[in-house]
Amino acid sequence: MKTAQDRYFECLEVCIEDEQGKSCRQVCAPILNDDPSDHPKVPIIKNINY
């Protein structure tokens, strides 16, 4: 499995500056804090009365 740092540098390699209106570092930085094994948890609300 690739590390966050590996994925960050791969992102920088393929990033086109200003394509998203941000620098490549801004676009790729969230990868460093991303944990692919951590799935977002969405609360399921039961017994909703309409």
C-alpha atoms as a PDB file:
ATOM      1  CA  MET A   1       0.000   0.000   0.000  1.00  0.00           C
ATOM      2  CA  LYS A   2       1.293   3.433  -0.897  1.00  0.00           C
ATOM      3  CA  THR A   3       1.983   5.902   1.847  1.00  0.00           C
ATOM      4  CA  ALA A   4       0.256   9.276   1.950  1.00  0.00           C
ATOM      5  CA  GLN A   5       3.589  10.849   1.039  1.00  0.00           C
ATOM      6  CA  ASP A   6       3.912   8.628  -2.071  1.00  0.00           C
ATOM      7  CA  ARG A   7       0.390   9.568  -3.165  1.00  0.00           C
ATOM      8  CA  TYR A   8       1.126  13.261  -2.508  1.00  0.00           C
ATOM      9  CA  PHE A   9       4.174  13.249  -4.768  1.00  0.00           C
ATOM     10  CA  GLU A  10       2.304  11.325  -7.469  1.00  0.00           C
ATOM     11  CA  CYS A  11      -0.410  13.982  -7.275  1.00  0.00           C
ATOM     12  CA  LEU A  12       2.200  16.715  -7.747  1.00  0.00           C
ATOM     13  CA  GLU A  13       3.596  14.894 -10.794  1.00  0.00           C
ATOM     14  CA  VAL A  14       0.265  14.859 -12.637  1.00  0.00           C
ATOM     15  CA  CYS A  15      -1.085  18.166 -11.326  1.00  0.00           C
ATOM     16  CA  ILE A  16      -1.431  21.059 -13.762  1.00  0.00           C
ATOM     17  CA  GLU A  17      -0.817  24.361 -12.013  1.00  0.00           C
ATOM     18  CA  ASP A  18      -3.877  26.623 -11.795  1.00  0.00           C
ATOM     19  CA  GLU A  19      -6.146  24.023 -13.413  1.00  0.00           C
ATOM     20  CA  GLN A  20      -8.356  24.054 -10.303  1.00  0.00           C
ATOM     21  CA  GLY A  21      -7.663  27.684  -9.461  1.00  0.00           C
ATOM     22  CA  LYS A  22      -5.303  26.567  -6.708  1.00  0.00           C
ATOM     23  CA  SER A  23      -1.633  25.680  -6.583  1.00  0.00           C
ATOM     24  CA  CYS A  24      -0.713  22.013  -6.902  1.00  0.00           C
ATOM     25  CA  ARG A  25       0.413  21.996  -3.277  1.00  0.00           C
ATOM     26  CA  GLN A  26      -3.032  23.210  -2.183  1.00  0.00           C
ATOM     27  CA  VAL A  27      -4.752  20.600  -4.362  1.00  0.00           C
ATOM     28  CA  CYS A  28      -2.557  17.711  -3.201  1.00  0.00           C
ATOM     29  CA  ALA A  29      -2.085  18.650   0.482  1.00  0.00           C
ATOM     30  CA  PRO A  30      -5.320  16.954   1.700  1.00  0.00           C
ATOM     31  CA  ILE A  31      -3.823  13.618   0.594  1.00  0.00           C
ATOM     32  CA  LEU A  32      -1.294  13.885   3.420  1.00  0.00           C
ATOM     33  CA  ASN A  33      -4.107  13.855   5.986  1.00  0.00           C
ATOM     34  CA  ASP A  34      -6.261  11.333   4.142  1.00  0.00           C
ATOM     35  CA  ASP A  35      -6.441   7.834   5.571  1.00  0.00           C
ATOM     36  CA  PRO A  36      -7.767   5.384   2.958  1.00  0.00           C
ATOM     37  CA  SER A  37      -8.552   2.830   5.660  1.00  0.00           C
ATOM     38  CA  ASP A  38     -10.728   5.356   7.496  1.00  0.00           C
ATOM     39  CA  HIS A  39     -14.163   5.376   5.943  1.00  0.00           C
ATOM     40  CA  PRO A  40     -16.495   8.239   6.773  1.00  0.00           C
ATOM     41  CA  LYS A  41     -19.271   7.340   9.117  1.00  0.00           C
ATOM     42  CA  VAL A  42     -22.748   8.597   8.336  1.00  0.00           C
ATOM     43  CA  PRO A  43     -25.276   8.446  11.150  1.00  0.00           C
ATOM     44  CA  ILE A  44     -28.438   6.537  10.353  1.00  0.00           C
ATOM     45  CA  ILE A  45     -31.441   8.177  11.920  1.00  0.00           C
ATOM     46  CA  LYS A  46     -34.311   5.815  12.627  1.00  0.00           C
ATOM     47  CA  ASN A  47     -37.934   6.468  13.530  1.00  0.00           C
ATOM     48  CA  ILE A  48     -38.420   9.639  11.541  1.00  0.00           C
ATOM     49  CA  ASN A  49     -42.004  10.863  11.719  1.00  0.00           C
ATOM     50  CA  TYR A  50     -43.237  12.726   8.656  1.00  0.00           C
END
